[in-house]
Amino acid sequence: SSCPSYGKRRMENISEEEAKLYDRQIRLWGLDAQKRVRGTNVLLVGFKSLNAEVCKNIVLAGVKSVTICETSIASPIDLGAHIFLTEDHLSENIGKASIPNISILNPLVEIKSDQEDIKTKGSQYFSQFSVVCATNCNRDTLLWLNKQCRDNSIHFFAAETFGFSGYFFSDLIRYSFVGKNKNGDPETITEIYTPIGEALQINSVQAPRRTPKLFYGLQVLLAFEEKHGRKVSISDADVDTALKLWAEMSQPLKSGASVLDETYLRTLIRNVSGEISAVSAILGGVLGQEIIKVVSGKEDPFNNFFFYSAFDNKPGEVFRSHPQK
């Protein structure tokens, strides 16, 4: 047989086709880790360009299934940054239209489309998944999804891009992995995670001036949407409204509004409209890698925010936000 040999006993439950397809990954992180990846059912909530990039990465890695929950119809503006859509897909549901091109990447992964609003789903629906990755959701929906995931012991990720910037957040509830102790010997390490509602509390950070500016910028964008029922636009009126909102929000901070300067906030809002394929690719690449890291049980996942901005001379920034006890 031309099938790579990993030992007959260990090859149970994995086909020759899979062994060939995932040979490189099996050699990299082991057969047991690949089996864990292969048993993973992922729910992607929202399917604009960022989750499309996440989908690409986890499908290539060989998860069992991906369910795309998206209600939107493809419009011309979606075509610019979305890797699975073409002009032929205009006026079709974004998730359903993407399935044929996703399946080309890896025919062994089952791809499903769900066109119902995620808020109509109950606990039984979520219990079939081990990972949920939510994008382009408002604050209330993120909090609701996070609770659904916690109630069902599901790994939860939230993410969004804002023009040249973006973030993702992870709540793995309680996660154990094999790391190394001070002597360099293997040791099981357990990390405790914080729900997104608590992690987003503006007074949860202990060193405001060392906190990424985008952490506060994200707060403003979510608060604006919550207050006005829509996402912030690049108009002068919205920029001024957002600045006033930040002045109010920052009052509990000892450092006040100065931790997020006006120039940065103006620049962030002026660039929020539209999706940029390069930013989605960068953030979706890191996020996809984190999901595979978590389900494979290899390495130490981020806890709990990752921020990226093309305006910063940094590859990205991991930041922990936990309530102060």
C-alpha atoms as a PDB file:
ATOM      1  CA  SER A   1       0.000   0.000   0.000  1.00  0.00           C
ATOM      2  CA  SER A   2       1.111   3.554  -0.718  1.00  0.00           C
ATOM      3  CA  CYS A   3      -0.461   4.728   2.525  1.00  0.00           C
ATOM      4  CA  PRO A   4       2.065   6.343   4.921  1.00  0.00           C
ATOM      5  CA  SER A   5       2.821   3.993   7.805  1.00  0.00           C
ATOM      6  CA  TYR A   6       2.101   5.206  11.345  1.00  0.00           C
ATOM      7  CA  GLY A   7       1.570   1.777  12.884  1.00  0.00           C
ATOM      8  CA  LYS A   8      -1.445  -0.437  12.140  1.00  0.00           C
ATOM      9  CA  ARG A   9      -3.036  -0.149  15.562  1.00  0.00           C
ATOM     10  CA  ARG A  10      -2.843   3.644  15.544  1.00  0.00           C
ATOM     11  CA  MET A  11      -4.238   3.850  11.995  1.00  0.00           C
ATOM     12  CA  GLU A  12      -7.665   2.665  13.134  1.00  0.00           C
ATOM     13  CA  ASN A  13     -10.504   5.071  12.284  1.00  0.00           C
ATOM     14  CA  ILE A  14      -8.507   6.935   9.653  1.00  0.00           C
ATOM     15  CA  SER A  15      -8.779   6.059   5.977  1.00  0.00           C
ATOM     16  CA  GLU A  16      -5.946   5.690   3.490  1.00  0.00           C
ATOM     17  CA  GLU A  17      -7.229   8.780   1.671  1.00  0.00           C
ATOM     18  CA  GLU A  18      -7.065  10.827   4.882  1.00  0.00           C
ATOM     19  CA  ALA A  19      -3.627   9.504   5.764  1.00  0.00           C
ATOM     20  CA  LYS A  20      -2.333  10.675   2.384  1.00  0.00           C
ATOM     21  CA  LEU A  21      -4.109  14.030   2.487  1.00  0.00           C
ATOM     22  CA  TYR A  22      -3.053  14.890   6.036  1.00  0.00           C
ATOM     23  CA  ASP A  23       0.364  13.207   5.938  1.00  0.00           C
ATOM     24  CA  ARG A  24       2.240  16.470   6.479  1.00  0.00           C
ATOM     25  CA  GLN A  25       0.089  17.491   9.451  1.00  0.00           C
ATOM     26  CA  ILE A  26       0.260  14.037  11.025  1.00  0.00           C
ATOM     27  CA  ARG A  27       4.044  14.186  10.885  1.00  0.00           C
ATOM     28  CA  LEU A  28       3.954  17.694  12.364  1.00  0.00           C
ATOM     29  CA  TRP A  29       1.603  17.241  15.333  1.00  0.00           C
ATOM     30  CA  GLY A  30       0.909  13.488  15.449  1.00  0.00           C
ATOM     31  CA  LEU A  31      -1.908  11.150  14.490  1.00  0.00           C
ATOM     32  CA  ASP A  32      -3.857  11.571  17.738  1.00  0.00           C
ATOM     33  CA  ALA A  33      -3.989  15.357  17.290  1.00  0.00           C
ATOM     34  CA  GLN A  34      -5.163  14.956  13.689  1.00  0.00           C
ATOM     35  CA  LYS A  35      -7.911  12.587  14.869  1.00  0.00           C
ATOM     36  CA  ARG A  36      -9.092  15.247  17.312  1.00  0.00           C
ATOM     37  CA  VAL A  37      -9.160  17.823  14.512  1.00  0.00           C
ATOM     38  CA  ARG A  38     -11.023  15.378  12.282  1.00  0.00           C
ATOM     39  CA  GLY A  39     -13.717  14.902  14.953  1.00  0.00           C
ATOM     40  CA  THR A  40     -14.456  18.626  15.273  1.00  0.00           C
ATOM     41  CA  ASN A  41     -17.741  20.233  14.200  1.00  0.00           C
ATOM     42  CA  VAL A  42     -17.445  24.009  13.798  1.00  0.00           C
ATOM     43  CA  LEU A  43     -20.197  26.637  13.628  1.00  0.00           C
ATOM     44  CA  LEU A  44     -19.309  29.876  11.837  1.00  0.00           C
ATOM     45  CA  VAL A  45     -21.755  32.682  12.651  1.00  0.00           C
ATOM     46  CA  GLY A  46     -21.568  35.321   9.916  1.00  0.00           C
ATOM     47  CA  PHE A  47     -19.693  34.677   6.696  1.00  0.00           C
ATOM     48  CA  LYS A  48     -18.146  37.883   5.442  1.00  0.00           C
ATOM     49  CA  SER A  49     -14.489  37.906   4.401  1.00  0.00           C
ATOM     50  CA  LEU A  50     -13.011  37.247   7.879  1.00  0.00           C
ATOM     51  CA  ASN A  51     -14.906  34.033   8.602  1.00  0.00           C
ATOM     52  CA  ALA A  52     -14.334  32.980   4.988  1.00  0.00           C
ATOM     53  CA  GLU A  53     -10.586  33.077   5.732  1.00  0.00           C
ATOM     54  CA  VAL A  54     -11.114  31.178   8.991  1.00  0.00           C
ATOM     55  CA  CYS A  55     -13.158  28.602   7.086  1.00  0.00           C
ATOM     56  CA  LYS A  56     -10.414  28.142   4.493  1.00  0.00           C
ATOM     57  CA  ASN A  57      -7.820  27.411   7.171  1.00  0.00           C
ATOM     58  CA  ILE A  58      -9.867  24.968   9.245  1.00  0.00           C
ATOM     59  CA  VAL A  59     -11.166  23.126   6.159  1.00  0.00           C
ATOM     60  CA  LEU A  60      -7.618  22.640   4.885  1.00  0.00           C
ATOM     61  CA  ALA A  61      -6.639  21.366   8.338  1.00  0.00           C
ATOM     62  CA  GLY A  62      -9.349  18.703   8.083  1.00  0.00           C
ATOM     63  CA  VAL A  63     -12.121  19.333  10.603  1.00  0.00           C
ATOM     64  CA  LYS A  64     -15.141  17.026  10.369  1.00  0.00           C
ATOM     65  CA  SER A  65     -17.736  19.641   9.409  1.00  0.00           C
ATOM     66  CA  VAL A  66     -18.349  23.369   9.087  1.00  0.00           C
ATOM     67  CA  THR A  67     -21.830  24.873   9.413  1.00  0.00           C
ATOM     68  CA  ILE A  68     -22.192  28.410   8.068  1.00  0.00           C
ATOM     69  CA  CYS A  69     -24.970  30.429   9.707  1.00  0.00           C
ATOM     70  CA  GLU A  70     -25.492  33.496   7.515  1.00  0.00           C
ATOM     71  CA  THR A  71     -28.690  35.302   6.555  1.00  0.00           C
ATOM     72  CA  SER A  72     -27.199  37.902   4.178  1.00  0.00           C
ATOM     73  CA  ILE A  73     -27.494  37.981   0.405  1.00  0.00           C
ATOM     74  CA  ALA A  74     -24.307  38.587  -1.623  1.00  0.00           C
ATOM     75  CA  SER A  75     -23.978  42.160  -2.895  1.00  0.00           C
ATOM     76  CA  PRO A  76     -21.315  43.782  -5.117  1.00  0.00           C
ATOM     77  CA  ILE A  77     -19.532  45.189  -2.045  1.00  0.00           C
ATOM     78  CA  ASP A  78     -19.014  41.629  -0.729  1.00  0.00           C
ATOM     79  CA  LEU A  79     -17.046  40.555  -3.798  1.00  0.00           C
ATOM     80  CA  GLY A  80     -14.039  42.765  -3.128  1.00  0.00           C
ATOM     81  CA  ALA A  81     -12.597  40.838  -0.177  1.00  0.00           C
ATOM     82  CA  HIS A  82     -14.474  37.511  -0.097  1.00  0.00           C
ATOM     83  CA  ILE A  83     -12.368  34.581  -1.301  1.00  0.00           C
ATOM     84  CA  PHE A  84     -15.299  32.292  -2.162  1.00  0.00           C
ATOM     85  CA  LEU A  85     -17.692  34.652  -3.971  1.00  0.00           C
ATOM     86  CA  THR A  86     -17.846  35.714  -7.630  1.00  0.00           C
ATOM     87  CA  GLU A  87     -20.254  37.847  -9.676  1.00  0.00           C
ATOM     88  CA  ASP A  88     -22.264  34.686 -10.374  1.00  0.00           C
ATOM     89  CA  HIS A  89     -23.232  34.587  -6.691  1.00  0.00           C
ATOM     90  CA  LEU A  90     -24.893  38.015  -6.522  1.00  0.00           C
ATOM     91  CA  SER A  91     -28.397  37.863  -4.988  1.00  0.00           C
ATOM     92  CA  GLU A  92     -27.654  34.418  -3.486  1.00  0.00           C
ATOM     93  CA  ASN A  93     -27.199  33.625   0.204  1.00  0.00           C
ATOM     94  CA  ILE A  94     -23.516  34.213   0.995  1.00  0.00           C
ATOM     95  CA  GLY A  95     -23.048  30.962   2.923  1.00  0.00           C
ATOM     96  CA  LYS A  96     -24.894  28.685   0.522  1.00  0.00           C
ATOM     97  CA  ALA A  97     -23.220  30.259  -2.523  1.00  0.00           C
ATOM     98  CA  SER A  98     -19.764  29.666  -1.010  1.00  0.00           C
ATOM     99  CA  ILE A  99     -20.139  25.910  -0.463  1.00  0.00           C
ATOM    100  CA  PRO A 100     -18.959  24.634  -3.892  1.00  0.00           C
ATOM    101  CA  ASN A 101     -15.723  26.655  -3.767  1.00  0.00           C
ATOM    102  CA  ILE A 102     -15.075  25.659  -0.145  1.00  0.00           C
ATOM    103  CA  SER A 103     -15.545  21.972  -0.963  1.00  0.00           C
ATOM    104  CA  ILE A 104     -12.845  22.177  -3.646  1.00  0.00           C
ATOM    105  CA  LEU A 105     -10.299  22.855  -0.870  1.00  0.00           C
ATOM    106  CA  ASN A 106     -11.040  19.580   0.916  1.00  0.00           C
ATOM    107  CA  PRO A 107     -13.834  17.251  -0.248  1.00  0.00           C
ATOM    108  CA  LEU A 108     -13.568  15.225   2.977  1.00  0.00           C
ATOM    109  CA  VAL A 109     -15.030  18.064   5.073  1.00  0.00           C
ATOM    110  CA  GLU A 110     -18.816  18.380   5.212  1.00  0.00           C
ATOM    111  CA  ILE A 111     -19.983  21.961   4.572  1.00  0.00           C
ATOM    112  CA  LYS A 112     -23.514  23.005   5.540  1.00  0.00           C
ATOM    113  CA  SER A 113     -25.469  26.234   5.158  1.00  0.00           C
ATOM    114  CA  ASP A 114     -27.979  27.526   7.724  1.00  0.00           C
ATOM    115  CA  GLN A 115     -29.895  30.609   6.577  1.00  0.00           C
ATOM    116  CA  GLU A 116     -31.871  31.183   9.788  1.00  0.00           C
ATOM    117  CA  ASP A 117     -31.107  33.905  12.315  1.00  0.00           C
ATOM    118  CA  ILE A 118     -28.752  32.515  14.964  1.00  0.00           C
ATOM    119  CA  LYS A 119     -30.899  34.035  17.747  1.00  0.00           C
ATOM    120  CA  THR A 120     -33.708  31.604  16.858  1.00  0.00           C
ATOM    121  CA  LYS A 121     -31.553  28.637  17.901  1.00  0.00           C
ATOM    122  CA  GLY A 122     -31.850  26.733  21.149  1.00  0.00           C
ATOM    123  CA  SER A 123     -29.417  24.830  23.330  1.00  0.00           C
ATOM    124  CA  GLN A 124     -29.902  21.574  21.422  1.00  0.00           C
ATOM    125  CA  TYR A 125     -28.703  23.231  18.220  1.00  0.00           C
ATOM    126  CA  PHE A 126     -25.448  24.417  19.776  1.00  0.00           C
ATOM    127  CA  SER A 127     -24.731  21.107  21.518  1.00  0.00           C
ATOM    128  CA  GLN A 128     -23.706  19.509  18.199  1.00  0.00           C
ATOM    129  CA  PHE A 129     -20.659  21.813  17.896  1.00  0.00           C
ATOM    130  CA  SER A 130     -17.343  21.918  19.732  1.00  0.00           C
ATOM    131  CA  VAL A 131     -16.295  25.326  18.373  1.00  0.00           C
ATOM    132  CA  VAL A 132     -18.322  28.467  17.580  1.00  0.00           C
ATOM    133  CA  CYS A 133     -16.693  31.406  15.795  1.00  0.00           C
ATOM    134  CA  ALA A 134     -18.890  34.514  15.593  1.00  0.00           C
ATOM    135  CA  THR A 135     -18.131  37.497  13.366  1.00  0.00           C
ATOM    136  CA  ASN A 136     -19.881  40.809  12.619  1.00  0.00           C
ATOM    137  CA  CYS A 137     -22.187  40.441  15.623  1.00  0.00           C
ATOM    138  CA  ASN A 138     -23.370  43.201  17.939  1.00  0.00           C
ATOM    139  CA  ARG A 139     -22.535  43.165  21.631  1.00  0.00           C
ATOM    140  CA  ASP A 140     -25.832  41.596  22.754  1.00  0.00           C
ATOM    141  CA  THR A 141     -25.488  38.742  20.266  1.00  0.00           C
ATOM    142  CA  LEU A 142     -21.887  38.094  21.314  1.00  0.00           C
ATOM    143  CA  LEU A 143     -22.889  37.898  24.978  1.00  0.00           C
ATOM    144  CA  TRP A 144     -25.821  35.620  24.156  1.00  0.00           C
ATOM    145  CA  LEU A 145     -23.670  33.315  22.005  1.00  0.00           C
ATOM    146  CA  ASN A 146     -20.967  33.163  24.643  1.00  0.00           C
ATOM    147  CA  LYS A 147     -23.559  32.082  27.232  1.00  0.00           C
ATOM    148  CA  GLN A 148     -24.915  29.394  24.888  1.00  0.00           C
ATOM    149  CA  CYS A 149     -21.371  28.102  24.440  1.00  0.00           C
ATOM    150  CA  ARG A 150     -20.626  28.114  28.156  1.00  0.00           C
ATOM    151  CA  ASP A 151     -23.886  26.275  28.888  1.00  0.00           C
ATOM    152  CA  ASN A 152     -22.839  23.567  26.400  1.00  0.00           C
ATOM    153  CA  SER A 153     -19.046  23.535  27.140  1.00  0.00           C
ATOM    154  CA  ILE A 154     -18.208  24.832  23.664  1.00  0.00           C
ATOM    155  CA  HIS A 155     -15.075  26.783  22.734  1.00  0.00           C
ATOM    156  CA  PHE A 156     -16.180  30.311  21.791  1.00  0.00           C
ATOM    157  CA  PHE A 157     -14.430  32.779  19.499  1.00  0.00           C
ATOM    158  CA  ALA A 158     -15.595  36.260  18.486  1.00  0.00           C
ATOM    159  CA  ALA A 159     -13.949  38.384  15.797  1.00  0.00           C
ATOM    160  CA  GLU A 160     -14.355  41.338  13.476  1.00  0.00           C
ATOM    161  CA  THR A 161     -12.338  43.582  11.199  1.00  0.00           C
ATOM    162  CA  PHE A 162     -12.645  47.371  11.079  1.00  0.00           C
ATOM    163  CA  GLY A 163     -10.991  48.423   7.838  1.00  0.00           C
ATOM    164  CA  PHE A 164      -7.254  48.269   8.560  1.00  0.00           C
ATOM    165  CA  SER A 165      -7.758  46.910  12.093  1.00  0.00           C
ATOM    166  CA  GLY A 166      -9.372  43.901  13.713  1.00  0.00           C
ATOM    167  CA  TYR A 167      -9.554  41.651  16.751  1.00  0.00           C
ATOM    168  CA  PHE A 168     -10.531  38.258  17.977  1.00  0.00           C
ATOM    169  CA  PHE A 169     -11.477  37.009  21.419  1.00  0.00           C
ATOM    170  CA  SER A 170     -11.495  33.496  22.869  1.00  0.00           C
ATOM    171  CA  ASP A 171     -13.360  31.967  25.778  1.00  0.00           C
ATOM    172  CA  LEU A 172     -12.281  28.352  26.247  1.00  0.00           C
ATOM    173  CA  ILE A 173     -13.887  28.311  29.730  1.00  0.00           C
ATOM    174  CA  ARG A 174     -11.342  25.970  31.346  1.00  0.00           C
ATOM    175  CA  TYR A 175      -8.615  24.649  29.067  1.00  0.00           C
ATOM    176  CA  SER A 176      -5.792  22.197  29.803  1.00  0.00           C
ATOM    177  CA  PHE A 177      -2.758  21.536  27.647  1.00  0.00           C
ATOM    178  CA  VAL A 178       0.666  19.951  28.059  1.00  0.00           C
ATOM    179  CA  GLY A 179       3.319  22.614  28.553  1.00  0.00           C
ATOM    180  CA  LYS A 180       6.679  22.738  30.300  1.00  0.00           C
ATOM    181  CA  ASN A 181       7.518  23.587  33.889  1.00  0.00           C
ATOM    182  CA  LYS A 182      10.495  25.634  35.092  1.00  0.00           C
ATOM    183  CA  ASN A 183      12.774  22.625  34.668  1.00  0.00           C
ATOM    184  CA  GLY A 184      11.673  22.107  31.080  1.00  0.00           C
ATOM    185  CA  ASP A 185       9.753  18.915  31.885  1.00  0.00           C
ATOM    186  CA  PRO A 186       6.251  18.230  30.465  1.00  0.00           C
ATOM    187  CA  GLU A 187       3.465  19.436  32.721  1.00  0.00           C
ATOM    188  CA  THR A 188      -0.319  19.747  32.383  1.00  0.00           C
ATOM    189  CA  ILE A 189      -1.291  23.407  32.592  1.00  0.00           C
ATOM    190  CA  THR A 190      -4.870  24.589  33.082  1.00  0.00           C
ATOM    191  CA  GLU A 191      -5.979  28.090  32.116  1.00  0.00           C
ATOM    192  CA  ILE A 192      -9.212  29.746  33.238  1.00  0.00           C
ATOM    193  CA  TYR A 193     -10.968  32.008  30.735  1.00  0.00           C
ATOM    194  CA  THR A 194     -13.322  34.944  31.114  1.00  0.00           C
ATOM    195  CA  PRO A 195     -16.672  35.436  29.310  1.00  0.00           C
ATOM    196  CA  ILE A 196     -16.677  38.246  26.758  1.00  0.00           C
ATOM    197  CA  GLY A 197     -19.127  40.374  28.755  1.00  0.00           C
ATOM    198  CA  GLU A 198     -16.701  40.548  31.680  1.00  0.00           C
ATOM    199  CA  ALA A 199     -13.622  40.827  29.467  1.00  0.00           C
ATOM    200  CA  LEU A 200     -15.122  43.877  27.718  1.00  0.00           C
ATOM    201  CA  GLN A 201     -15.620  45.783  30.963  1.00  0.00           C
ATOM    202  CA  ILE A 202     -13.638  48.947  30.563  1.00  0.00           C
ATOM    203  CA  ASN A 203     -12.403  48.894  34.154  1.00  0.00           C
ATOM    204  CA  SER A 204     -11.292  45.244  33.984  1.00  0.00           C
ATOM    205  CA  VAL A 205      -7.747  46.163  32.911  1.00  0.00           C
ATOM    206  CA  GLN A 206      -5.131  46.802  35.566  1.00  0.00           C
ATOM    207  CA  ALA A 207      -2.687  48.909  33.518  1.00  0.00           C
ATOM    208  CA  PRO A 208      -4.702  51.206  31.222  1.00  0.00           C
ATOM    209  CA  ARG A 209      -1.692  52.860  29.613  1.00  0.00           C
ATOM    210  CA  ARG A 210      -0.197  49.491  28.638  1.00  0.00           C
ATOM    211  CA  THR A 211      -3.505  48.314  27.208  1.00  0.00           C
ATOM    212  CA  PRO A 212      -3.751  48.172  23.385  1.00  0.00           C
ATOM    213  CA  LYS A 213      -5.587  51.231  22.097  1.00  0.00           C
ATOM    214  CA  LEU A 214      -7.774  48.992  19.967  1.00  0.00           C
ATOM    215  CA  PHE A 215      -9.196  47.433  23.151  1.00  0.00           C
ATOM    216  CA  TYR A 216     -10.727  50.805  23.972  1.00  0.00           C
ATOM    217  CA  GLY A 217     -11.528  51.519  20.328  1.00  0.00           C
ATOM    218  CA  LEU A 218     -13.489  48.266  20.178  1.00  0.00           C
ATOM    219  CA  GLN A 219     -15.459  49.377  23.240  1.00  0.00           C
ATOM    220  CA  VAL A 220     -16.476  52.583  21.468  1.00  0.00           C
ATOM    221  CA  LEU A 221     -17.517  50.807  18.258  1.00  0.00           C
ATOM    222  CA  LEU A 222     -19.638  48.248  20.140  1.00  0.00           C
ATOM    223  CA  ALA A 223     -21.178  50.906  22.386  1.00  0.00           C
ATOM    224  CA  PHE A 224     -22.070  53.096  19.397  1.00  0.00           C
ATOM    225  CA  GLU A 225     -23.831  50.168  17.705  1.00  0.00           C
ATOM    226  CA  GLU A 226     -25.649  49.304  20.922  1.00  0.00           C
ATOM    227  CA  LYS A 227     -26.847  52.886  21.402  1.00  0.00           C
ATOM    228  CA  HIS A 228     -27.792  53.707  17.806  1.00  0.00           C
ATOM    229  CA  GLY A 229     -28.832  50.302  16.463  1.00  0.00           C
ATOM    230  CA  ARG A 230     -26.309  50.409  13.615  1.00  0.00           C
ATOM    231  CA  LYS A 231     -22.583  50.325  13.035  1.00  0.00           C
ATOM    232  CA  VAL A 232     -20.662  53.599  13.079  1.00  0.00           C
ATOM    233  CA  SER A 233     -20.090  55.247   9.696  1.00  0.00           C
ATOM    234  CA  ILE A 234     -17.218  57.466   8.539  1.00  0.00           C
ATOM    235  CA  SER A 235     -19.385  60.618   8.592  1.00  0.00           C
ATOM    236  CA  ASP A 236     -18.256  63.672  10.571  1.00  0.00           C
ATOM    237  CA  ALA A 237     -21.402  63.446  12.700  1.00  0.00           C
ATOM    238  CA  ASP A 238     -20.683  59.824  13.685  1.00  0.00           C
ATOM    239  CA  VAL A 239     -17.046  60.616  14.463  1.00  0.00           C
ATOM    240  CA  ASP A 240     -18.084  63.461  16.761  1.00  0.00           C
ATOM    241  CA  THR A 241     -20.742  61.283  18.407  1.00  0.00           C
ATOM    242  CA  ALA A 242     -18.185  58.512  18.994  1.00  0.00           C
ATOM    243  CA  LEU A 243     -15.727  60.972  20.556  1.00  0.00           C
ATOM    244  CA  LYS A 244     -18.405  62.196  22.973  1.00  0.00           C
ATOM    245  CA  LEU A 245     -19.339  58.595  23.743  1.00  0.00           C
ATOM    246  CA  TRP A 246     -15.715  57.801  24.617  1.00  0.00           C
ATOM    247  CA  ALA A 247     -15.507  60.849  26.885  1.00  0.00           C
ATOM    248  CA  GLU A 248     -18.468  59.435  28.837  1.00  0.00           C
ATOM    249  CA  MET A 249     -17.251  55.823  28.816  1.00  0.00           C
ATOM    250  CA  SER A 250     -13.734  56.649  29.994  1.00  0.00           C
ATOM    251  CA  GLN A 251     -14.800  58.444  33.172  1.00  0.00           C
ATOM    252  CA  PRO A 252     -14.356  55.348  35.411  1.00  0.00           C
ATOM    253  CA  LEU A 253     -10.719  55.076  34.309  1.00  0.00           C
ATOM    254  CA  LYS A 254      -8.116  56.676  36.547  1.00  0.00           C
ATOM    255  CA  SER A 255      -6.198  57.749  33.441  1.00  0.00           C
ATOM    256  CA  GLY A 256      -9.357  59.126  31.862  1.00  0.00           C
ATOM    257  CA  ALA A 257      -9.884  59.546  28.113  1.00  0.00           C
ATOM    258  CA  SER A 258      -6.157  60.070  27.503  1.00  0.00           C
ATOM    259  CA  VAL A 259      -5.513  56.306  27.151  1.00  0.00           C
ATOM    260  CA  LEU A 260      -7.214  56.564  23.759  1.00  0.00           C
ATOM    261  CA  ASP A 261      -6.217  59.780  22.030  1.00  0.00           C
ATOM    262  CA  GLU A 262      -8.593  61.596  19.730  1.00  0.00           C
ATOM    263  CA  THR A 263      -6.346  61.196  16.671  1.00  0.00           C
ATOM    264  CA  TYR A 264      -6.290  57.408  17.021  1.00  0.00           C
ATOM    265  CA  LEU A 265     -10.068  57.168  17.471  1.00  0.00           C
ATOM    266  CA  ARG A 266     -10.706  59.458  14.497  1.00  0.00           C
ATOM    267  CA  THR A 267      -8.368  57.376  12.314  1.00  0.00           C
ATOM    268  CA  LEU A 268     -10.001  54.123  13.451  1.00  0.00           C
ATOM    269  CA  ILE A 269     -13.515  55.338  12.612  1.00  0.00           C
ATOM    270  CA  ARG A 270     -12.478  56.935   9.318  1.00  0.00           C
ATOM    271  CA  ASN A 271     -11.325  53.492   8.186  1.00  0.00           C
ATOM    272  CA  VAL A 272     -14.091  51.232   9.520  1.00  0.00           C
ATOM    273  CA  SER A 273     -16.108  50.969   6.333  1.00  0.00           C
ATOM    274  CA  GLY A 274     -15.453  48.111   3.940  1.00  0.00           C
ATOM    275  CA  GLU A 275     -13.508  44.891   4.300  1.00  0.00           C
ATOM    276  CA  ILE A 276      -9.867  44.664   3.284  1.00  0.00           C
ATOM    277  CA  SER A 277      -8.804  41.231   2.045  1.00  0.00           C
ATOM    278  CA  ALA A 278      -5.259  41.489   3.434  1.00  0.00           C
ATOM    279  CA  VAL A 279      -6.504  42.290   6.951  1.00  0.00           C
ATOM    280  CA  SER A 280      -9.047  39.453   6.801  1.00  0.00           C
ATOM    281  CA  ALA A 281      -6.313  37.090   5.596  1.00  0.00           C
ATOM    282  CA  ILE A 282      -3.930  38.048   8.418  1.00  0.00           C
ATOM    283  CA  LEU A 283      -6.501  37.944  11.205  1.00  0.00           C
ATOM    284  CA  GLY A 284      -8.267  34.890   9.752  1.00  0.00           C
ATOM    285  CA  GLY A 285      -4.930  33.104   9.474  1.00  0.00           C
ATOM    286  CA  VAL A 286      -4.071  33.648  13.133  1.00  0.00           C
ATOM    287  CA  LEU A 287      -7.615  32.857  14.287  1.00  0.00           C
ATOM    288  CA  GLY A 288      -7.824  29.708  12.165  1.00  0.00           C
ATOM    289  CA  GLN A 289      -4.512  28.589  13.646  1.00  0.00           C
ATOM    290  CA  GLU A 290      -5.830  29.221  17.171  1.00  0.00           C
ATOM    291  CA  ILE A 291      -8.919  27.086  16.526  1.00  0.00           C
ATOM    292  CA  ILE A 292      -6.780  24.211  15.236  1.00  0.00           C
ATOM    293  CA  LYS A 293      -4.415  24.660  18.164  1.00  0.00           C
ATOM    294  CA  VAL A 294      -7.328  24.345  20.594  1.00  0.00           C
ATOM    295  CA  VAL A 295      -9.049  21.322  19.031  1.00  0.00           C
ATOM    296  CA  SER A 296      -5.781  19.462  18.418  1.00  0.00           C
ATOM    297  CA  GLY A 297      -4.674  19.972  22.018  1.00  0.00           C
ATOM    298  CA  LYS A 298      -1.289  21.238  20.874  1.00  0.00           C
ATOM    299  CA  GLU A 299       0.431  24.307  22.299  1.00  0.00           C
ATOM    300  CA  ASP A 300      -0.802  27.138  24.514  1.00  0.00           C
ATOM    301  CA  PRO A 301      -3.755  29.099  23.043  1.00  0.00           C
ATOM    302  CA  PHE A 302      -4.081  32.866  23.421  1.00  0.00           C
ATOM    303  CA  ASN A 303      -5.975  34.062  26.490  1.00  0.00           C
ATOM    304  CA  ASN A 304      -8.010  36.059  25.573  1.00  0.00           C
ATOM    305  CA  PHE A 305      -7.760  38.975  23.051  1.00  0.00           C
ATOM    306  CA  PHE A 306      -5.689  39.350  19.893  1.00  0.00           C
ATOM    307  CA  PHE A 307      -5.534  42.780  18.249  1.00  0.00           C
ATOM    308  CA  TYR A 308      -4.172  43.661  14.826  1.00  0.00           C
ATOM    309  CA  SER A 309      -3.807  47.059  13.195  1.00  0.00           C
ATOM    310  CA  ALA A 310      -2.016  47.925   9.983  1.00  0.00           C
ATOM    311  CA  PHE A 311      -1.325  51.339  11.523  1.00  0.00           C
ATOM    312  CA  ASP A 312       0.898  49.809  14.223  1.00  0.00           C
ATOM    313  CA  ASN A 313       4.415  48.596  13.578  1.00  0.00           C
ATOM    314  CA  LYS A 314       3.564  45.296  15.257  1.00  0.00           C
ATOM    315  CA  PRO A 315       2.637  41.831  13.953  1.00  0.00           C
ATOM    316  CA  GLY A 316      -0.324  41.790  16.359  1.00  0.00           C
ATOM    317  CA  GLU A 317      -0.804  41.938  20.107  1.00  0.00           C
ATOM    318  CA  VAL A 318      -2.094  39.361  22.579  1.00  0.00           C
ATOM    319  CA  PHE A 319      -3.862  40.927  25.539  1.00  0.00           C
ATOM    320  CA  ARG A 320      -5.481  39.426  28.657  1.00  0.00           C
ATOM    321  CA  SER A 321      -8.547  41.139  30.027  1.00  0.00           C
ATOM    322  CA  HIS A 322      -9.917  39.626  33.230  1.00  0.00           C
ATOM    323  CA  PRO A 323     -12.086  41.214  35.924  1.00  0.00           C
ATOM    324  CA  GLN A 324     -10.122  42.608  38.833  1.00  0.00           C
ATOM    325  CA  LYS A 325     -10.830  40.621  41.967  1.00  0.00           C
END
